[in-house]
Each structure stands twice: as structure tokens, then as C-alpha cells.
Amino acid sequence: MDTNTLLIGVITGAFGTGYFIYGKKEQMMVPMLCGAILCIYPYFTDNIWILCGAGILFIALPFFWKI
């Protein structure tokens, strides 16, 4: 783990916490699940490109898929 991986993990964790709280408050499943995934996936991924790609995907997903 290097500094870039740690920084991206902190940023995605912050977005994940916000999405999870918003999804739980509004009772919306997609933001809540994306928030949980954003908080957890940096622990299992070391590749910087996969971290960035998955982070962008899960941050943008609630804007395009509304349930």
C-alpha cells in the first residue's frame, strides 16, 4: 500500500459514508449499496487504476440508476 492508494481509499470512503447515510435516510437502495461498496472495496484492491475506475463507477451509478 502506498500513499496514492491510501488517499483514494480515504476519498472513496468519505463519498461512501455520505451515500450510505443519504440512502438510509431517504430509504433508497442504490445509494445505500453504492455507499457500502465505496467504503469496503479499497481494502481488497491494490491496483491504483482499478481503485480509480471502480470509484468513479460507484460514485456515478446513483445518478444514472434511480430505484
N, C-alpha and C. Protein backbone atom coordinates (compact mmCIF):
# COMPACT_ATOMS: atom_id res chain seq x y z
N MET A 1 0.85 -1.17 0.00
CA MET A 1 0.00 0.00 0.00
C MET A 1 0.90 1.23 0.00
N ASP A 2 0.59 2.15 -0.89
CA ASP A 2 1.35 3.38 -0.95
C ASP A 2 0.44 4.58 -0.67
N THR A 3 1.00 5.75 -0.78
CA THR A 3 0.27 6.97 -0.43
C THR A 3 -0.92 7.21 -1.35
N ASN A 4 -0.77 6.94 -2.64
CA ASN A 4 -1.89 7.15 -3.58
C ASN A 4 -3.06 6.24 -3.26
N THR A 5 -2.77 4.99 -2.97
CA THR A 5 -3.83 4.04 -2.63
C THR A 5 -4.55 4.47 -1.36
N LEU A 6 -3.81 4.93 -0.39
CA LEU A 6 -4.40 5.38 0.86
C LEU A 6 -5.27 6.62 0.65
N LEU A 7 -4.80 7.55 -0.14
CA LEU A 7 -5.56 8.78 -0.41
C LEU A 7 -6.86 8.48 -1.15
N ILE A 8 -6.80 7.63 -2.15
CA ILE A 8 -8.01 7.27 -2.89
C ILE A 8 -8.98 6.51 -1.98
N GLY A 9 -8.46 5.66 -1.10
CA GLY A 9 -9.30 4.96 -0.15
C GLY A 9 -10.03 5.90 0.80
N VAL A 10 -9.35 6.93 1.25
CA VAL A 10 -9.97 7.91 2.15
C VAL A 10 -11.05 8.71 1.42
N ILE A 11 -10.75 9.11 0.20
CA ILE A 11 -11.73 9.90 -0.58
C ILE A 11 -12.97 9.07 -0.90
N THR A 12 -12.78 7.84 -1.37
CA THR A 12 -13.94 7.00 -1.68
C THR A 12 -14.71 6.62 -0.42
N GLY A 13 -14.01 6.46 0.69
CA GLY A 13 -14.68 6.19 1.95
C GLY A 13 -15.56 7.34 2.39
N ALA A 14 -15.09 8.56 2.16
CA ALA A 14 -15.89 9.74 2.50
C ALA A 14 -17.15 9.82 1.63
N PHE A 15 -16.98 9.59 0.33
CA PHE A 15 -18.15 9.56 -0.55
C PHE A 15 -19.09 8.42 -0.15
N GLY A 16 -18.52 7.28 0.18
CA GLY A 16 -19.32 6.12 0.58
C GLY A 16 -20.13 6.37 1.83
N THR A 17 -19.53 7.02 2.80
CA THR A 17 -20.25 7.34 4.03
C THR A 17 -21.42 8.28 3.74
N GLY A 18 -21.17 9.28 2.92
CA GLY A 18 -22.24 10.21 2.55
C GLY A 18 -23.36 9.53 1.79
N TYR A 19 -23.01 8.69 0.83
CA TYR A 19 -24.03 7.97 0.06
C TYR A 19 -24.82 7.01 0.96
N PHE A 20 -24.14 6.34 1.87
CA PHE A 20 -24.82 5.39 2.74
C PHE A 20 -25.82 6.11 3.65
N ILE A 21 -25.40 7.21 4.25
CA ILE A 21 -26.30 7.97 5.13
C ILE A 21 -27.48 8.52 4.34
N TYR A 22 -27.22 9.07 3.15
CA TYR A 22 -28.30 9.59 2.31
C TYR A 22 -29.27 8.48 1.91
N GLY A 23 -28.73 7.34 1.47
CA GLY A 23 -29.59 6.23 1.05
C GLY A 23 -30.43 5.68 2.18
N LYS A 24 -29.85 5.60 3.37
CA LYS A 24 -30.61 5.10 4.51
C LYS A 24 -31.69 6.10 4.93
N LYS A 25 -31.37 7.39 4.91
CA LYS A 25 -32.33 8.41 5.32
C LYS A 25 -33.51 8.49 4.35
N GLU A 26 -33.22 8.42 3.05
CA GLU A 26 -34.27 8.51 2.03
C GLU A 26 -34.86 7.15 1.66
N GLN A 27 -34.38 6.08 2.27
CA GLN A 27 -34.80 4.71 2.01
C GLN A 27 -34.67 4.36 0.53
N MET A 28 -33.49 4.69 -0.02
CA MET A 28 -33.16 4.37 -1.41
C MET A 28 -32.04 3.34 -1.41
N MET A 29 -32.25 2.25 -2.11
CA MET A 29 -31.33 1.12 -2.05
C MET A 29 -30.04 1.36 -2.83
N VAL A 30 -30.11 1.98 -4.00
CA VAL A 30 -28.91 2.14 -4.84
C VAL A 30 -27.85 3.01 -4.16
N PRO A 31 -28.18 4.20 -3.65
CA PRO A 31 -27.13 4.97 -2.97
C PRO A 31 -26.59 4.28 -1.72
N MET A 32 -27.45 3.57 -1.01
CA MET A 32 -27.01 2.88 0.20
C MET A 32 -26.04 1.75 -0.13
N LEU A 33 -26.34 0.98 -1.16
CA LEU A 33 -25.43 -0.10 -1.56
C LEU A 33 -24.13 0.44 -2.15
N CYS A 34 -24.23 1.48 -2.97
CA CYS A 34 -23.01 2.08 -3.51
C CYS A 34 -22.15 2.66 -2.40
N GLY A 35 -22.77 3.24 -1.40
CA GLY A 35 -22.03 3.76 -0.27
C GLY A 35 -21.30 2.67 0.50
N ALA A 36 -21.98 1.55 0.71
CA ALA A 36 -21.34 0.44 1.41
C ALA A 36 -20.17 -0.12 0.59
N ILE A 37 -20.37 -0.24 -0.71
CA ILE A 37 -19.30 -0.75 -1.57
C ILE A 37 -18.13 0.21 -1.60
N LEU A 38 -18.41 1.51 -1.67
CA LEU A 38 -17.33 2.50 -1.68
C LEU A 38 -16.52 2.48 -0.39
N CYS A 39 -17.15 2.14 0.72
CA CYS A 39 -16.42 2.07 1.99
C CYS A 39 -15.58 0.80 2.11
N ILE A 40 -15.99 -0.27 1.44
CA ILE A 40 -15.34 -1.56 1.64
C ILE A 40 -14.31 -1.91 0.57
N TYR A 41 -14.55 -1.59 -0.70
CA TYR A 41 -13.70 -2.11 -1.77
C TYR A 41 -12.24 -1.67 -1.72
N PRO A 42 -11.87 -0.51 -1.17
CA PRO A 42 -10.44 -0.17 -1.15
C PRO A 42 -9.59 -1.14 -0.31
N TYR A 43 -10.20 -1.87 0.62
CA TYR A 43 -9.46 -2.83 1.42
C TYR A 43 -9.02 -4.05 0.61
N PHE A 44 -9.71 -4.34 -0.49
CA PHE A 44 -9.44 -5.54 -1.26
C PHE A 44 -8.72 -5.29 -2.57
N THR A 45 -8.43 -4.04 -2.90
CA THR A 45 -7.83 -3.71 -4.19
C THR A 45 -6.55 -2.92 -3.97
N ASP A 46 -5.47 -3.34 -4.63
CA ASP A 46 -4.19 -2.64 -4.54
C ASP A 46 -3.85 -1.88 -5.81
N ASN A 47 -4.47 -2.23 -6.92
CA ASN A 47 -4.16 -1.59 -8.20
C ASN A 47 -4.80 -0.21 -8.24
N ILE A 48 -3.99 0.80 -8.52
CA ILE A 48 -4.46 2.19 -8.50
C ILE A 48 -5.50 2.44 -9.58
N TRP A 49 -5.36 1.82 -10.75
CA TRP A 49 -6.30 2.05 -11.85
C TRP A 49 -7.65 1.41 -11.57
N ILE A 50 -7.66 0.26 -10.94
CA ILE A 50 -8.92 -0.37 -10.57
C ILE A 50 -9.61 0.44 -9.47
N LEU A 51 -8.83 0.96 -8.53
CA LEU A 51 -9.41 1.81 -7.48
C LEU A 51 -10.08 3.04 -8.08
N CYS A 52 -9.41 3.71 -8.99
CA CYS A 52 -9.98 4.91 -9.61
C CYS A 52 -11.20 4.57 -10.46
N GLY A 53 -11.10 3.53 -11.26
CA GLY A 53 -12.22 3.16 -12.14
C GLY A 53 -13.45 2.73 -11.37
N ALA A 54 -13.26 1.88 -10.37
CA ALA A 54 -14.40 1.43 -9.57
C ALA A 54 -14.97 2.58 -8.75
N GLY A 55 -14.12 3.46 -8.26
CA GLY A 55 -14.60 4.61 -7.50
C GLY A 55 -15.46 5.51 -8.34
N ILE A 56 -15.00 5.82 -9.54
CA ILE A 56 -15.79 6.67 -10.44
C ILE A 56 -17.10 5.99 -10.80
N LEU A 57 -17.06 4.69 -11.05
CA LEU A 57 -18.27 3.94 -11.40
C LEU A 57 -19.30 4.00 -10.27
N PHE A 58 -18.87 3.70 -9.05
CA PHE A 58 -19.82 3.65 -7.94
C PHE A 58 -20.23 5.04 -7.45
N ILE A 59 -19.45 6.06 -7.71
CA ILE A 59 -19.87 7.42 -7.37
C ILE A 59 -20.91 7.91 -8.38
N ALA A 60 -20.77 7.54 -9.65
CA ALA A 60 -21.69 8.00 -10.69
C ALA A 60 -22.96 7.14 -10.79
N LEU A 61 -22.92 5.91 -10.34
CA LEU A 61 -24.05 4.99 -10.51
C LEU A 61 -25.37 5.51 -9.95
N PRO A 62 -25.43 6.07 -8.76
CA PRO A 62 -26.73 6.56 -8.26
C PRO A 62 -27.35 7.69 -9.08
N PHE A 63 -26.53 8.42 -9.84
CA PHE A 63 -27.08 9.49 -10.66
C PHE A 63 -27.78 8.95 -11.91
N PHE A 64 -27.36 7.78 -12.37
CA PHE A 64 -27.91 7.22 -13.60
C PHE A 64 -28.94 6.13 -13.36
N TRP A 65 -28.89 5.47 -12.20
CA TRP A 65 -29.80 4.36 -11.92
C TRP A 65 -30.56 4.69 -10.66
N LYS A 66 -31.79 5.12 -10.82
CA LYS A 66 -32.60 5.53 -9.67
C LYS A 66 -33.70 4.51 -9.42
N ILE A 67 -33.65 3.93 -8.23
CA ILE A 67 -34.70 2.99 -7.80
C ILE A 67 -35.20 3.44 -6.46
